Amino acid sequence: MELNENDNSTMRSAPKRAFLIYEIVFTALGALGGFLYYAFVGCTSGSCPITSNPWISTIWGAVMGYLLTGIFKPSKKK
């Protein structure tokens, strides 16, 4: 079986790989930011549903970081 350079089913194109790296980096930075927010600002009384638990705060930050990658998604050329 020959590999065709235009065959997208076997290899990802360079822009898609670069965007995947953006997704991973922004998600990790968001998770770190969520944990740091819990550690330095978080709610100690337990009445704050997001910032009173380090796991929920970290996951919330990761989701927000992942959603921010949509801002940097390259536009499709016509």
C-alpha atoms as a PDB file:
ATOM      1  CA  MET A   1       0.000   0.000   0.000  1.00  0.00           C
ATOM      2  CA  GLU A   2       1.449   3.341  -1.039  1.00  0.00           C
ATOM      3  CA  LEU A   3       1.111   6.448   1.035  1.00  0.00           C
ATOM      4  CA  ASN A   4      -0.452   9.271  -0.862  1.00  0.00           C
ATOM      5  CA  GLU A   5       0.614  12.762   0.219  1.00  0.00           C
ATOM      6  CA  ASN A   6      -2.951  14.000  -0.201  1.00  0.00           C
ATOM      7  CA  ASP A   7      -4.479  11.195   1.871  1.00  0.00           C
ATOM      8  CA  ASN A   8      -5.880  12.890   4.998  1.00  0.00           C
ATOM      9  CA  SER A   9      -7.112   9.645   6.545  1.00  0.00           C
ATOM     10  CA  THR A  10      -3.627   8.494   7.548  1.00  0.00           C
ATOM     11  CA  MET A  11      -1.924  11.738   8.567  1.00  0.00           C
ATOM     12  CA  ARG A  12      -3.056  15.033  10.009  1.00  0.00           C
ATOM     13  CA  SER A  13      -2.165  18.187   8.177  1.00  0.00           C
ATOM     14  CA  ALA A  14       0.246  20.643   9.787  1.00  0.00           C
ATOM     15  CA  PRO A  15      -2.393  23.291  10.678  1.00  0.00           C
ATOM     16  CA  LYS A  16      -4.573  20.688  12.392  1.00  0.00           C
ATOM     17  CA  ARG A  17      -1.608  19.431  14.416  1.00  0.00           C
ATOM     18  CA  ALA A  18      -0.683  22.989  15.383  1.00  0.00           C
ATOM     19  CA  PHE A  19      -4.248  23.661  16.485  1.00  0.00           C
ATOM     20  CA  LEU A  20      -4.229  20.445  18.535  1.00  0.00           C
ATOM     21  CA  ILE A  21      -1.159  21.753  20.349  1.00  0.00           C
ATOM     22  CA  TYR A  22      -3.025  25.025  21.035  1.00  0.00           C
ATOM     23  CA  GLU A  23      -5.928  23.040  22.495  1.00  0.00           C
ATOM     24  CA  ILE A  24      -3.651  21.062  24.788  1.00  0.00           C
ATOM     25  CA  VAL A  25      -1.667  24.095  25.942  1.00  0.00           C
ATOM     26  CA  PHE A  26      -4.711  26.297  26.562  1.00  0.00           C
ATOM     27  CA  THR A  27      -6.503  23.494  28.414  1.00  0.00           C
ATOM     28  CA  ALA A  28      -3.482  22.902  30.642  1.00  0.00           C
ATOM     29  CA  LEU A  29      -3.051  26.621  31.315  1.00  0.00           C
ATOM     30  CA  GLY A  30      -6.753  26.922  32.099  1.00  0.00           C
ATOM     31  CA  ALA A  31      -6.545  24.022  34.547  1.00  0.00           C
ATOM     32  CA  LEU A  32      -3.534  25.610  36.213  1.00  0.00           C
ATOM     33  CA  GLY A  33      -5.339  28.941  36.362  1.00  0.00           C
ATOM     34  CA  GLY A  34      -8.416  27.315  37.885  1.00  0.00           C
ATOM     35  CA  PHE A  35      -6.340  25.646  40.569  1.00  0.00           C
ATOM     36  CA  LEU A  36      -4.417  28.833  41.314  1.00  0.00           C
ATOM     37  CA  TYR A  37      -7.691  30.723  41.592  1.00  0.00           C
ATOM     38  CA  TYR A  38      -8.885  28.141  44.124  1.00  0.00           C
ATOM     39  CA  ALA A  39      -5.604  28.342  46.040  1.00  0.00           C
ATOM     40  CA  PHE A  40      -5.317  32.125  46.277  1.00  0.00           C
ATOM     41  CA  VAL A  41      -8.870  33.460  45.967  1.00  0.00           C
ATOM     42  CA  GLY A  42     -11.142  30.473  46.584  1.00  0.00           C
ATOM     43  CA  CYS A  43     -14.112  30.391  48.903  1.00  0.00           C
ATOM     44  CA  THR A  44     -13.389  28.874  52.326  1.00  0.00           C
ATOM     45  CA  SER A  45     -16.965  28.915  53.610  1.00  0.00           C
ATOM     46  CA  GLY A  46     -18.091  26.267  51.146  1.00  0.00           C
ATOM     47  CA  SER A  47     -20.974  28.345  49.843  1.00  0.00           C
ATOM     48  CA  CYS A  48     -19.312  28.949  46.466  1.00  0.00           C
ATOM     49  CA  PRO A  49     -19.995  25.909  44.276  1.00  0.00           C
ATOM     50  CA  ILE A  50     -17.032  26.357  41.917  1.00  0.00           C
ATOM     51  CA  THR A  51     -14.239  27.855  43.996  1.00  0.00           C
ATOM     52  CA  SER A  52     -14.749  25.901  47.218  1.00  0.00           C
ATOM     53  CA  ASN A  53     -13.547  22.606  45.693  1.00  0.00           C
ATOM     54  CA  PRO A  54     -10.107  22.331  44.029  1.00  0.00           C
ATOM     55  CA  TRP A  55     -11.240  19.611  41.593  1.00  0.00           C
ATOM     56  CA  ILE A  56     -14.243  21.542  40.332  1.00  0.00           C
ATOM     57  CA  SER A  57     -12.233  24.764  40.103  1.00  0.00           C
ATOM     58  CA  THR A  58      -9.477  23.014  38.103  1.00  0.00           C
ATOM     59  CA  ILE A  59     -11.950  21.356  35.734  1.00  0.00           C
ATOM     60  CA  TRP A  60     -13.816  24.637  35.281  1.00  0.00           C
ATOM     61  CA  GLY A  61     -10.546  26.388  34.402  1.00  0.00           C
ATOM     62  CA  ALA A  62      -9.620  23.620  31.951  1.00  0.00           C
ATOM     63  CA  VAL A  63     -12.975  23.916  30.186  1.00  0.00           C
ATOM     64  CA  MET A  64     -12.622  27.693  29.962  1.00  0.00           C
ATOM     65  CA  GLY A  65      -9.084  27.311  28.595  1.00  0.00           C
ATOM     66  CA  TYR A  66     -10.295  24.829  25.989  1.00  0.00           C
ATOM     67  CA  LEU A  67     -13.113  27.145  24.938  1.00  0.00           C
ATOM     68  CA  LEU A  68     -10.622  29.984  24.482  1.00  0.00           C
ATOM     69  CA  THR A  69      -8.883  28.004  21.741  1.00  0.00           C
ATOM     70  CA  GLY A  70     -11.886  28.725  19.507  1.00  0.00           C
ATOM     71  CA  ILE A  71     -10.749  32.349  19.329  1.00  0.00           C
ATOM     72  CA  PHE A  72      -7.482  31.305  17.718  1.00  0.00           C
ATOM     73  CA  LYS A  73      -8.880  28.757  15.270  1.00  0.00           C
ATOM     74  CA  PRO A  74      -7.661  29.560  11.770  1.00  0.00           C
ATOM     75  CA  SER A  75     -10.346  30.574   9.316  1.00  0.00           C
ATOM     76  CA  LYS A  76     -11.040  28.427   6.269  1.00  0.00           C
ATOM     77  CA  LYS A  77      -9.856  29.792   2.962  1.00  0.00           C
ATOM     78  CA  LYS A  78     -12.377  29.868   0.139  1.00  0.00           C
END
